[in-house]
Amino acid sequence: MGELLKTEDYSINFIFQDSGDNDYYEFLYTKLPYLLIFITQITLESYNCIVKINKHSFDHLILVTMGCYEALFVDSASQHITPMLKKELKGFLKCIHCSAPLQITKRSAPALYLAEKIKCKNCGLVSEFPLNWLLSMAKISIRQNF
């Protein structure tokens, strides 16, 4: 359409927008986490309709998605997933090096959910934590309410 209307790569063309104004990013960044969770849920459900996903794998993906969102965007007093994990996995939350209790905190939860690693506050050791396997052994499942 010409050089005057051309935008940079990966940019949205706002013809009447002031080029120095970035206020649309504030709105986008506050809504983007909700959109990504919604897309993840829709993708999992759609795939599950085509090819049945193992129930433990499905539950793990939902729990990790919701747990990450909660750890990143919800204040500690309103969290539900992390306290539930602390309660259900209490017997496994011990450091393999110093036997100190491992804490799942707002800061450490994303690493636990995404990389299945947890850091001991006492000795500083970062340990592998088989969250997917433990969730399947603990018989934790996600219920769908429609």
C-alpha atoms as a PDB file:
ATOM      1  CA  MET A   1       0.000   0.000   0.000  1.00  0.00           C
ATOM      2  CA  GLY A   2       3.009   2.295  -0.087  1.00  0.00           C
ATOM      3  CA  GLU A   3       5.875   3.310   2.146  1.00  0.00           C
ATOM      4  CA  LEU A   4       3.740   5.638   4.331  1.00  0.00           C
ATOM      5  CA  LEU A   5       1.487   2.810   5.563  1.00  0.00           C
ATOM      6  CA  LYS A   6       4.180   0.161   5.909  1.00  0.00           C
ATOM      7  CA  THR A   7       4.761  -1.149   9.460  1.00  0.00           C
ATOM      8  CA  GLU A   8       7.726  -2.902  10.985  1.00  0.00           C
ATOM      9  CA  ASP A   9       7.754  -6.681  11.219  1.00  0.00           C
ATOM     10  CA  TYR A  10       5.542  -8.092  14.011  1.00  0.00           C
ATOM     11  CA  SER A  11       3.803  -4.737  14.465  1.00  0.00           C
ATOM     12  CA  ILE A  12       0.126  -3.790  14.348  1.00  0.00           C
ATOM     13  CA  ASN A  13      -0.806  -1.045  11.890  1.00  0.00           C
ATOM     14  CA  PHE A  14      -2.517   1.774  13.770  1.00  0.00           C
ATOM     15  CA  ILE A  15      -2.926   4.414  11.065  1.00  0.00           C
ATOM     16  CA  PHE A  16      -4.358   7.111  13.334  1.00  0.00           C
ATOM     17  CA  GLN A  17      -2.251   6.277  16.386  1.00  0.00           C
ATOM     18  CA  ASP A  18       0.421   8.710  17.542  1.00  0.00           C
ATOM     19  CA  SER A  19       3.755   6.981  16.893  1.00  0.00           C
ATOM     20  CA  GLY A  20       5.117   8.041  20.295  1.00  0.00           C
ATOM     21  CA  ASP A  21       2.100   6.758  22.221  1.00  0.00           C
ATOM     22  CA  ASN A  22       2.343   3.248  23.726  1.00  0.00           C
ATOM     23  CA  ASP A  23      -0.880   3.173  25.765  1.00  0.00           C
ATOM     24  CA  TYR A  24      -2.319   0.227  23.842  1.00  0.00           C
ATOM     25  CA  TYR A  25       0.481  -1.959  25.207  1.00  0.00           C
ATOM     26  CA  GLU A  26      -0.736  -1.433  28.790  1.00  0.00           C
ATOM     27  CA  PHE A  27      -4.167  -2.797  27.872  1.00  0.00           C
ATOM     28  CA  LEU A  28      -2.647  -5.651  25.859  1.00  0.00           C
ATOM     29  CA  TYR A  29      -0.246  -6.761  28.611  1.00  0.00           C
ATOM     30  CA  THR A  30      -2.968  -6.823  31.271  1.00  0.00           C
ATOM     31  CA  LYS A  31      -5.247  -8.995  29.104  1.00  0.00           C
ATOM     32  CA  LEU A  32      -2.624 -11.213  27.447  1.00  0.00           C
ATOM     33  CA  PRO A  33      -2.286 -13.768  30.316  1.00  0.00           C
ATOM     34  CA  TYR A  34      -6.061 -14.396  30.265  1.00  0.00           C
ATOM     35  CA  LEU A  35      -5.973 -14.808  26.512  1.00  0.00           C
ATOM     36  CA  LEU A  36      -3.055 -17.252  26.651  1.00  0.00           C
ATOM     37  CA  ILE A  37      -4.752 -19.370  29.349  1.00  0.00           C
ATOM     38  CA  PHE A  38      -7.942 -19.411  27.284  1.00  0.00           C
ATOM     39  CA  ILE A  39      -6.038 -20.441  24.142  1.00  0.00           C
ATOM     40  CA  THR A  40      -4.259 -23.202  26.078  1.00  0.00           C
ATOM     41  CA  GLN A  41      -7.565 -24.530  27.415  1.00  0.00           C
ATOM     42  CA  ILE A  42      -9.201 -24.443  23.975  1.00  0.00           C
ATOM     43  CA  THR A  43      -6.208 -26.118  22.339  1.00  0.00           C
ATOM     44  CA  LEU A  44      -6.123 -28.921  24.914  1.00  0.00           C
ATOM     45  CA  GLU A  45      -9.865 -29.527  24.665  1.00  0.00           C
ATOM     46  CA  SER A  46      -9.781 -29.485  20.857  1.00  0.00           C
ATOM     47  CA  TYR A  47      -6.866 -31.884  20.717  1.00  0.00           C
ATOM     48  CA  ASN A  48      -8.546 -34.100  23.310  1.00  0.00           C
ATOM     49  CA  CYS A  49     -11.636 -34.330  21.072  1.00  0.00           C
ATOM     50  CA  ILE A  50      -9.501 -35.521  18.160  1.00  0.00           C
ATOM     51  CA  VAL A  51      -7.081 -37.796  20.009  1.00  0.00           C
ATOM     52  CA  LYS A  52      -7.837 -38.706  23.602  1.00  0.00           C
ATOM     53  CA  ILE A  53      -5.108 -37.371  25.872  1.00  0.00           C
ATOM     54  CA  ASN A  54      -4.052 -39.452  28.869  1.00  0.00           C
ATOM     55  CA  LYS A  55      -6.010 -38.142  31.881  1.00  0.00           C
ATOM     56  CA  HIS A  56      -2.845 -37.637  33.988  1.00  0.00           C
ATOM     57  CA  SER A  57      -1.139 -35.719  31.172  1.00  0.00           C
ATOM     58  CA  PHE A  58      -4.236 -33.592  30.607  1.00  0.00           C
ATOM     59  CA  ASP A  59      -4.539 -32.813  34.335  1.00  0.00           C
ATOM     60  CA  HIS A  60      -0.832 -32.016  34.551  1.00  0.00           C
ATOM     61  CA  LEU A  61      -1.006 -29.541  31.649  1.00  0.00           C
ATOM     62  CA  ILE A  62      -4.045 -27.793  33.136  1.00  0.00           C
ATOM     63  CA  LEU A  63      -2.517 -27.683  36.619  1.00  0.00           C
ATOM     64  CA  VAL A  64       0.795 -26.303  35.329  1.00  0.00           C
ATOM     65  CA  THR A  65      -0.968 -23.653  33.252  1.00  0.00           C
ATOM     66  CA  MET A  66      -3.185 -22.525  36.093  1.00  0.00           C
ATOM     67  CA  GLY A  67      -0.387 -22.800  38.666  1.00  0.00           C
ATOM     68  CA  CYS A  68       1.944 -20.612  36.612  1.00  0.00           C
ATOM     69  CA  TYR A  69      -0.759 -18.025  36.098  1.00  0.00           C
ATOM     70  CA  GLU A  70      -1.544 -18.048  39.813  1.00  0.00           C
ATOM     71  CA  ALA A  71       2.126 -17.729  40.815  1.00  0.00           C
ATOM     72  CA  LEU A  72       2.742 -14.857  38.429  1.00  0.00           C
ATOM     73  CA  PHE A  73      -0.454 -12.817  38.668  1.00  0.00           C
ATOM     74  CA  VAL A  74      -2.401 -13.695  41.845  1.00  0.00           C
ATOM     75  CA  ASP A  75      -1.472 -12.442  45.294  1.00  0.00           C
ATOM     76  CA  SER A  76      -0.416 -15.069  47.815  1.00  0.00           C
ATOM     77  CA  ALA A  77      -3.561 -14.780  49.948  1.00  0.00           C
ATOM     78  CA  SER A  78      -5.829 -15.647  46.993  1.00  0.00           C
ATOM     79  CA  GLN A  79      -3.857 -18.627  45.695  1.00  0.00           C
ATOM     80  CA  HIS A  80      -5.467 -22.078  45.673  1.00  0.00           C
ATOM     81  CA  ILE A  81      -3.245 -24.372  43.604  1.00  0.00           C
ATOM     82  CA  THR A  82       0.046 -23.854  45.432  1.00  0.00           C
ATOM     83  CA  PRO A  83      -1.450 -24.395  48.935  1.00  0.00           C
ATOM     84  CA  MET A  84      -3.190 -27.538  47.641  1.00  0.00           C
ATOM     85  CA  LEU A  85       0.132 -28.866  46.310  1.00  0.00           C
ATOM     86  CA  LYS A  86       1.858 -28.068  49.590  1.00  0.00           C
ATOM     87  CA  LYS A  87      -0.784 -30.079  51.440  1.00  0.00           C
ATOM     88  CA  GLU A  88      -0.891 -33.052  49.044  1.00  0.00           C
ATOM     89  CA  LEU A  89       2.877 -33.347  48.493  1.00  0.00           C
ATOM     90  CA  LYS A  90       3.990 -32.465  52.038  1.00  0.00           C
ATOM     91  CA  GLY A  91       5.754 -35.802  52.572  1.00  0.00           C
ATOM     92  CA  PHE A  92       7.924 -35.289  49.478  1.00  0.00           C
ATOM     93  CA  LEU A  93       8.894 -31.678  50.132  1.00  0.00           C
ATOM     94  CA  LYS A  94      12.257 -32.337  51.796  1.00  0.00           C
ATOM     95  CA  CYS A  95      15.701 -31.422  50.508  1.00  0.00           C
ATOM     96  CA  ILE A  96      17.682 -34.456  49.369  1.00  0.00           C
ATOM     97  CA  HIS A  97      20.900 -32.834  50.590  1.00  0.00           C
ATOM     98  CA  CYS A  98      20.109 -31.374  54.033  1.00  0.00           C
ATOM     99  CA  SER A  99      16.603 -32.776  54.725  1.00  0.00           C
ATOM    100  CA  ALA A 100      15.214 -29.291  55.347  1.00  0.00           C
ATOM    101  CA  PRO A 101      11.580 -28.752  54.371  1.00  0.00           C
ATOM    102  CA  LEU A 102      11.223 -27.362  50.834  1.00  0.00           C
ATOM    103  CA  GLN A 103       8.965 -24.351  50.465  1.00  0.00           C
ATOM    104  CA  ILE A 104       6.797 -23.698  47.425  1.00  0.00           C
ATOM    105  CA  THR A 105       6.632 -19.920  47.369  1.00  0.00           C
ATOM    106  CA  LYS A 106       5.212 -17.428  44.911  1.00  0.00           C
ATOM    107  CA  ARG A 107       8.751 -16.894  43.661  1.00  0.00           C
ATOM    108  CA  SER A 108       9.751 -20.573  43.366  1.00  0.00           C
ATOM    109  CA  ALA A 109       6.439 -21.910  42.008  1.00  0.00           C
ATOM    110  CA  PRO A 110       6.979 -21.053  38.302  1.00  0.00           C
ATOM    111  CA  ALA A 111      10.262 -23.028  38.250  1.00  0.00           C
ATOM    112  CA  LEU A 112       8.492 -25.944  39.923  1.00  0.00           C
ATOM    113  CA  TYR A 113       5.651 -25.911  37.406  1.00  0.00           C
ATOM    114  CA  LEU A 114       7.683 -25.286  34.250  1.00  0.00           C
ATOM    115  CA  ALA A 115      11.067 -26.917  34.889  1.00  0.00           C
ATOM    116  CA  GLU A 116      10.137 -29.278  37.732  1.00  0.00           C
ATOM    117  CA  LYS A 117      12.943 -27.859  39.873  1.00  0.00           C
ATOM    118  CA  ILE A 118      12.875 -26.523  43.404  1.00  0.00           C
ATOM    119  CA  LYS A 119      15.526 -24.698  45.420  1.00  0.00           C
ATOM    120  CA  CYS A 120      16.222 -25.401  49.070  1.00  0.00           C
ATOM    121  CA  LYS A 121      16.276 -22.194  51.107  1.00  0.00           C
ATOM    122  CA  ASN A 122      18.512 -23.839  53.700  1.00  0.00           C
ATOM    123  CA  CYS A 123      21.433 -25.136  51.608  1.00  0.00           C
ATOM    124  CA  GLY A 124      20.704 -23.575  48.193  1.00  0.00           C
ATOM    125  CA  LEU A 125      20.611 -26.877  46.294  1.00  0.00           C
ATOM    126  CA  VAL A 126      18.406 -26.841  43.192  1.00  0.00           C
ATOM    127  CA  SER A 127      16.807 -30.280  42.909  1.00  0.00           C
ATOM    128  CA  GLU A 128      14.773 -32.025  40.263  1.00  0.00           C
ATOM    129  CA  PHE A 129      11.216 -32.456  41.511  1.00  0.00           C
ATOM    130  CA  PRO A 130       9.134 -34.945  39.458  1.00  0.00           C
ATOM    131  CA  LEU A 131       5.873 -33.020  39.732  1.00  0.00           C
ATOM    132  CA  ASN A 132       4.093 -34.847  36.893  1.00  0.00           C
ATOM    133  CA  TRP A 133       4.912 -38.272  38.350  1.00  0.00           C
ATOM    134  CA  LEU A 134       4.006 -37.224  41.906  1.00  0.00           C
ATOM    135  CA  LEU A 135       0.681 -35.769  40.785  1.00  0.00           C
ATOM    136  CA  SER A 136      -0.244 -39.027  39.093  1.00  0.00           C
ATOM    137  CA  MET A 137       0.763 -41.022  42.192  1.00  0.00           C
ATOM    138  CA  ALA A 138      -1.110 -38.653  44.530  1.00  0.00           C
ATOM    139  CA  LYS A 139      -4.317 -39.247  42.538  1.00  0.00           C
ATOM    140  CA  ILE A 140      -4.909 -35.510  42.068  1.00  0.00           C
ATOM    141  CA  SER A 141      -7.282 -34.894  39.188  1.00  0.00           C
ATOM    142  CA  ILE A 142      -8.891 -31.881  37.592  1.00  0.00           C
ATOM    143  CA  ARG A 143     -12.681 -31.794  37.303  1.00  0.00           C
ATOM    144  CA  GLN A 144     -14.407 -29.900  34.547  1.00  0.00           C
ATOM    145  CA  ASN A 145     -17.466 -27.898  35.497  1.00  0.00           C
ATOM    146  CA  PHE A 146     -19.558 -26.690  32.604  1.00  0.00           C
END
